[in-house]
Every structure is written in C-alpha cells, then in structure tokens.
Amino acid sequence: MKPAMLAVFVFSCCLTGMLMAQGAPSTERKVDPRITQLEMALNHVSQEQQSVYQQFQMLQELRRNEIQDSNPLVQGMGGVKDMPPISYDESIAQQRERKERFNQHTRDLDRLYGRYAELGEQKKVILDQLRELAKEIGR
C-alpha cells in the first residue's frame, strides 16, 4: 500500500472515531442533517474500502501460492511420494494453467488496487466536505 493512501486511511479512521466519540447529540442541540448524511457516506465508503483491501490480501496470498507451486525445486516432474510421476504433457498443461491463474491474479490485484485508491479519493472528498461544513457551523 502506498504511504499516501495509508495516511488518508489512518486520518479518515481517526476522524470517523472522533465523530463517533462525540456521542449522541443532546436534545438541546440539533445535528445538521448534512453531517449525518456525510458520516453515513464516509462509513459506507470505509466499509467498502476495507472489503476491497481484504480481497486484495486474499488474492495476494493466492498469487504467492502460485509462485511457490511453480518453483521447480519444490514441484519437480515427479509428484508426491508413492505417486507415479506425471507425463510431460500434463506437466506443461499444469504450468500453463498456473501461469494463467497467476496472470489473472495479477490483473485482479491491479483492479482492486485501483478501486482501493478510488475509494480513498472518495473518502478524502467526504472528509473535506465534513471539514467545510464544520467550519460553516462553527462560525
């Protein structure tokens, strides 16, 4: 994860925590409905971003496994103990399948990374709107 994205994520989590820590509004003070709407949007985007990040981590692990499985020192032509070795054609077919899965994981990781960055930008916009609204109300 790039440091800038991590910083935006951490900042947004802190701001969300501060907003939630304020607790329920008192009956004397009404909360601007725009703030509530922005907080809900921020929460939704944060949850989606977390989901994308978890998917990214899972795919990254799958890709690592593909790399490990394709290592000729680990895999070899033989197979498992007490199992007959596979044919050359089967071995080549398995290598092609592994390579295609690896390439698909790479494409999916790129797509998820782009979506994560997009969601980070959305969060930044929402946080900027919240700050501006807080300034308006504070005047």
C-alpha atoms as a PDB file:
ATOM      1  CA  MET A   1       0.000   0.000   0.000  1.00  0.00           C
ATOM      2  CA  LYS A   2       1.371   3.395  -0.859  1.00  0.00           C
ATOM      3  CA  PRO A   3       2.216   5.656   2.092  1.00  0.00           C
ATOM      4  CA  ALA A   4      -0.131   8.430   0.919  1.00  0.00           C
ATOM      5  CA  MET A   5      -3.075   6.042   0.766  1.00  0.00           C
ATOM      6  CA  LEU A   6      -2.210   4.663   4.164  1.00  0.00           C
ATOM      7  CA  ALA A   7      -2.070   8.182   5.586  1.00  0.00           C
ATOM      8  CA  VAL A   8      -5.510   9.017   4.138  1.00  0.00           C
ATOM      9  CA  PHE A   9      -6.889   5.772   5.544  1.00  0.00           C
ATOM     10  CA  VAL A  10      -5.467   6.375   9.019  1.00  0.00           C
ATOM     11  CA  PHE A  11      -6.603  10.001   9.019  1.00  0.00           C
ATOM     12  CA  SER A  12     -10.123   9.050   7.953  1.00  0.00           C
ATOM     13  CA  CYS A  13     -10.311   6.358  10.635  1.00  0.00           C
ATOM     14  CA  CYS A  14      -9.216   8.882  13.262  1.00  0.00           C
ATOM     15  CA  LEU A  15     -11.740  11.454  12.067  1.00  0.00           C
ATOM     16  CA  THR A  16     -14.510   8.863  11.985  1.00  0.00           C
ATOM     17  CA  GLY A  17     -13.565   7.817  15.516  1.00  0.00           C
ATOM     18  CA  MET A  18     -13.621  11.423  16.705  1.00  0.00           C
ATOM     19  CA  LEU A  19     -17.022  11.970  15.133  1.00  0.00           C
ATOM     20  CA  MET A  20     -18.406   8.835  16.765  1.00  0.00           C
ATOM     21  CA  ALA A  21     -16.766   9.644  20.108  1.00  0.00           C
ATOM     22  CA  GLN A  22     -18.812  12.803  20.344  1.00  0.00           C
ATOM     23  CA  GLY A  23     -21.685  10.537  21.231  1.00  0.00           C
ATOM     24  CA  ALA A  24     -25.381  11.065  20.748  1.00  0.00           C
ATOM     25  CA  PRO A  25     -26.450  14.648  20.272  1.00  0.00           C
ATOM     26  CA  SER A  26     -28.176  16.276  23.188  1.00  0.00           C
ATOM     27  CA  THR A  27     -31.812  17.240  22.863  1.00  0.00           C
ATOM     28  CA  GLU A  28     -30.816  20.921  23.047  1.00  0.00           C
ATOM     29  CA  ARG A  29     -28.530  20.793  20.021  1.00  0.00           C
ATOM     30  CA  LYS A  30     -29.696  19.534  16.645  1.00  0.00           C
ATOM     31  CA  VAL A  31     -27.242  17.874  14.337  1.00  0.00           C
ATOM     32  CA  ASP A  32     -27.194  19.202  10.813  1.00  0.00           C
ATOM     33  CA  PRO A  33     -28.674  16.500   8.562  1.00  0.00           C
ATOM     34  CA  ARG A  34     -25.869  17.129   6.068  1.00  0.00           C
ATOM     35  CA  ILE A  35     -23.347  15.981   8.692  1.00  0.00           C
ATOM     36  CA  THR A  36     -25.310  12.812   9.337  1.00  0.00           C
ATOM     37  CA  GLN A  37     -25.538  12.133   5.618  1.00  0.00           C
ATOM     38  CA  LEU A  38     -21.803  12.697   5.122  1.00  0.00           C
ATOM     39  CA  GLU A  39     -20.947  10.476   8.099  1.00  0.00           C
ATOM     40  CA  MET A  40     -23.093   7.694   6.674  1.00  0.00           C
ATOM     41  CA  ALA A  41     -21.433   8.080   3.272  1.00  0.00           C
ATOM     42  CA  LEU A  42     -17.999   8.034   4.922  1.00  0.00           C
ATOM     43  CA  ASN A  43     -18.890   4.887   6.845  1.00  0.00           C
ATOM     44  CA  HIS A  44     -20.146   3.187   3.677  1.00  0.00           C
ATOM     45  CA  VAL A  45     -17.022   4.080   1.698  1.00  0.00           C
ATOM     46  CA  SER A  46     -14.778   2.971   4.584  1.00  0.00           C
ATOM     47  CA  GLN A  47     -16.510  -0.402   4.780  1.00  0.00           C
ATOM     48  CA  GLU A  48     -16.245  -0.923   1.035  1.00  0.00           C
ATOM     49  CA  GLN A  49     -12.594   0.072   1.100  1.00  0.00           C
ATOM     50  CA  GLN A  50     -11.928  -2.407   3.908  1.00  0.00           C
ATOM     51  CA  SER A  51     -13.662  -5.137   1.912  1.00  0.00           C
ATOM     52  CA  VAL A  52     -11.560  -4.333  -1.166  1.00  0.00           C
ATOM     53  CA  TYR A  53      -8.398  -4.418   0.930  1.00  0.00           C
ATOM     54  CA  GLN A  54      -9.307  -7.838   2.344  1.00  0.00           C
ATOM     55  CA  GLN A  55      -9.964  -9.167  -1.165  1.00  0.00           C
ATOM     56  CA  PHE A  56      -6.602  -7.734  -2.220  1.00  0.00           C
ATOM     57  CA  GLN A  57      -4.851  -9.546   0.629  1.00  0.00           C
ATOM     58  CA  MET A  58      -6.509 -12.861  -0.224  1.00  0.00           C
ATOM     59  CA  LEU A  59      -5.574 -12.598  -3.899  1.00  0.00           C
ATOM     60  CA  GLN A  60      -2.044 -11.638  -2.975  1.00  0.00           C
ATOM     61  CA  GLU A  61      -1.769 -14.809  -0.923  1.00  0.00           C
ATOM     62  CA  LEU A  62      -3.190 -16.922  -3.755  1.00  0.00           C
ATOM     63  CA  ARG A  63      -0.643 -15.407  -6.117  1.00  0.00           C
ATOM     64  CA  ARG A  64       2.167 -16.153  -3.653  1.00  0.00           C
ATOM     65  CA  ASN A  65       0.998 -19.761  -3.532  1.00  0.00           C
ATOM     66  CA  GLU A  66       1.063 -19.936  -7.328  1.00  0.00           C
ATOM     67  CA  ILE A  67       4.647 -18.681  -7.288  1.00  0.00           C
ATOM     68  CA  GLN A  68       5.606 -21.239  -4.660  1.00  0.00           C
ATOM     69  CA  ASP A  69       3.843 -24.076  -6.510  1.00  0.00           C
ATOM     70  CA  SER A  70       5.539 -23.199  -9.770  1.00  0.00           C
ATOM     71  CA  ASN A  71       9.017 -23.324  -8.230  1.00  0.00           C
ATOM     72  CA  PRO A  72      10.760 -26.227  -9.975  1.00  0.00           C
ATOM     73  CA  LEU A  73      12.809 -27.006  -6.866  1.00  0.00           C
ATOM     74  CA  VAL A  74       9.612 -27.597  -4.921  1.00  0.00           C
ATOM     75  CA  GLN A  75       7.345 -29.127  -7.567  1.00  0.00           C
ATOM     76  CA  GLY A  76       9.563 -31.087  -9.952  1.00  0.00           C
ATOM     77  CA  MET A  77       8.318 -33.551 -12.534  1.00  0.00           C
ATOM     78  CA  GLY A  78       7.766 -36.315 -10.040  1.00  0.00           C
ATOM     79  CA  GLY A  79       4.930 -35.552  -7.754  1.00  0.00           C
ATOM     80  CA  VAL A  80       4.267 -36.734  -4.240  1.00  0.00           C
ATOM     81  CA  LYS A  81       5.996 -39.722  -2.632  1.00  0.00           C
ATOM     82  CA  ASP A  82       4.370 -43.031  -3.586  1.00  0.00           C
ATOM     83  CA  MET A  83       2.676 -41.336  -6.555  1.00  0.00           C
ATOM     84  CA  PRO A  84       3.749 -42.014 -10.119  1.00  0.00           C
ATOM     85  CA  PRO A  85       5.336 -39.103 -11.959  1.00  0.00           C
ATOM     86  CA  ILE A  86       3.070 -37.159 -14.292  1.00  0.00           C
ATOM     87  CA  SER A  87       3.625 -37.096 -18.030  1.00  0.00           C
ATOM     88  CA  TYR A  88       5.476 -34.292 -19.747  1.00  0.00           C
ATOM     89  CA  ASP A  89       2.275 -33.112 -21.465  1.00  0.00           C
ATOM     90  CA  GLU A  90       0.406 -32.987 -18.153  1.00  0.00           C
ATOM     91  CA  SER A  91       3.297 -31.092 -16.586  1.00  0.00           C
ATOM     92  CA  ILE A  92       3.276 -28.496 -19.384  1.00  0.00           C
ATOM     93  CA  ALA A  93      -0.522 -28.155 -19.156  1.00  0.00           C
ATOM     94  CA  GLN A  94      -0.295 -27.610 -15.384  1.00  0.00           C
ATOM     95  CA  GLN A  95       2.416 -24.994 -15.859  1.00  0.00           C
ATOM     96  CA  ARG A  96       0.233 -23.140 -18.407  1.00  0.00           C
ATOM     97  CA  GLU A  97      -2.758 -23.258 -16.060  1.00  0.00           C
ATOM     98  CA  ARG A  98      -0.641 -21.953 -13.177  1.00  0.00           C
ATOM     99  CA  LYS A  99       0.728 -19.167 -15.345  1.00  0.00           C
ATOM    100  CA  GLU A 100      -2.778 -18.158 -16.443  1.00  0.00           C
ATOM    101  CA  ARG A 101      -4.034 -18.169 -12.832  1.00  0.00           C
ATOM    102  CA  PHE A 102      -1.018 -16.090 -11.817  1.00  0.00           C
ATOM    103  CA  ASN A 103      -1.708 -13.597 -14.620  1.00  0.00           C
ATOM    104  CA  GLN A 104      -5.411 -13.443 -13.681  1.00  0.00           C
ATOM    105  CA  HIS A 105      -4.495 -12.793 -10.040  1.00  0.00           C
ATOM    106  CA  THR A 106      -2.168 -10.006 -11.169  1.00  0.00           C
ATOM    107  CA  ARG A 107      -4.940  -8.390 -13.243  1.00  0.00           C
ATOM    108  CA  ASP A 108      -7.377  -8.707 -10.335  1.00  0.00           C
ATOM    109  CA  LEU A 109      -4.837  -7.204  -7.922  1.00  0.00           C
ATOM    110  CA  ASP A 110      -4.343  -4.239 -10.241  1.00  0.00           C
ATOM    111  CA  ARG A 111      -8.110  -3.752 -10.491  1.00  0.00           C
ATOM    112  CA  LEU A 112      -8.565  -3.952  -6.703  1.00  0.00           C
ATOM    113  CA  TYR A 113      -5.673  -1.567  -6.104  1.00  0.00           C
ATOM    114  CA  GLY A 114      -7.294   0.930  -8.477  1.00  0.00           C
ATOM    115  CA  ARG A 115     -10.649   0.566  -6.717  1.00  0.00           C
ATOM    116  CA  TYR A 116      -8.998   0.998  -3.313  1.00  0.00           C
ATOM    117  CA  ALA A 117      -7.340   4.220  -4.496  1.00  0.00           C
ATOM    118  CA  GLU A 118     -10.634   5.425  -5.971  1.00  0.00           C
ATOM    119  CA  LEU A 119     -12.397   4.822  -2.651  1.00  0.00           C
ATOM    120  CA  GLY A 120      -9.587   6.656  -0.862  1.00  0.00           C
ATOM    121  CA  GLU A 121     -10.218   9.681  -3.063  1.00  0.00           C
ATOM    122  CA  GLN A 122     -13.951   9.473  -2.324  1.00  0.00           C
ATOM    123  CA  LYS A 123     -13.192   9.413   1.401  1.00  0.00           C
ATOM    124  CA  LYS A 124     -10.927  12.426   1.033  1.00  0.00           C
ATOM    125  CA  VAL A 125     -13.713  14.374  -0.709  1.00  0.00           C
ATOM    126  CA  ILE A 126     -16.213  13.440   2.019  1.00  0.00           C
ATOM    127  CA  LEU A 127     -13.752  14.410   4.762  1.00  0.00           C
ATOM    128  CA  ASP A 128     -13.128  17.761   3.060  1.00  0.00           C
ATOM    129  CA  GLN A 129     -16.872  18.342   2.898  1.00  0.00           C
ATOM    130  CA  LEU A 130     -17.204  17.485   6.588  1.00  0.00           C
ATOM    131  CA  ARG A 131     -14.422  19.927   7.472  1.00  0.00           C
ATOM    132  CA  GLU A 132     -16.020  22.698   5.433  1.00  0.00           C
ATOM    133  CA  LEU A 133     -19.402  22.027   6.995  1.00  0.00           C
ATOM    134  CA  ALA A 134     -17.883  22.064  10.466  1.00  0.00           C
ATOM    135  CA  LYS A 135     -16.322  25.448   9.688  1.00  0.00           C
ATOM    136  CA  GLU A 136     -19.687  26.783   8.477  1.00  0.00           C
ATOM    137  CA  ILE A 137     -21.471  25.604  11.602  1.00  0.00           C
ATOM    138  CA  GLY A 138     -18.695  26.842  13.878  1.00  0.00           C
ATOM    139  CA  ARG A 139     -18.990  30.418  12.616  1.00  0.00           C
END
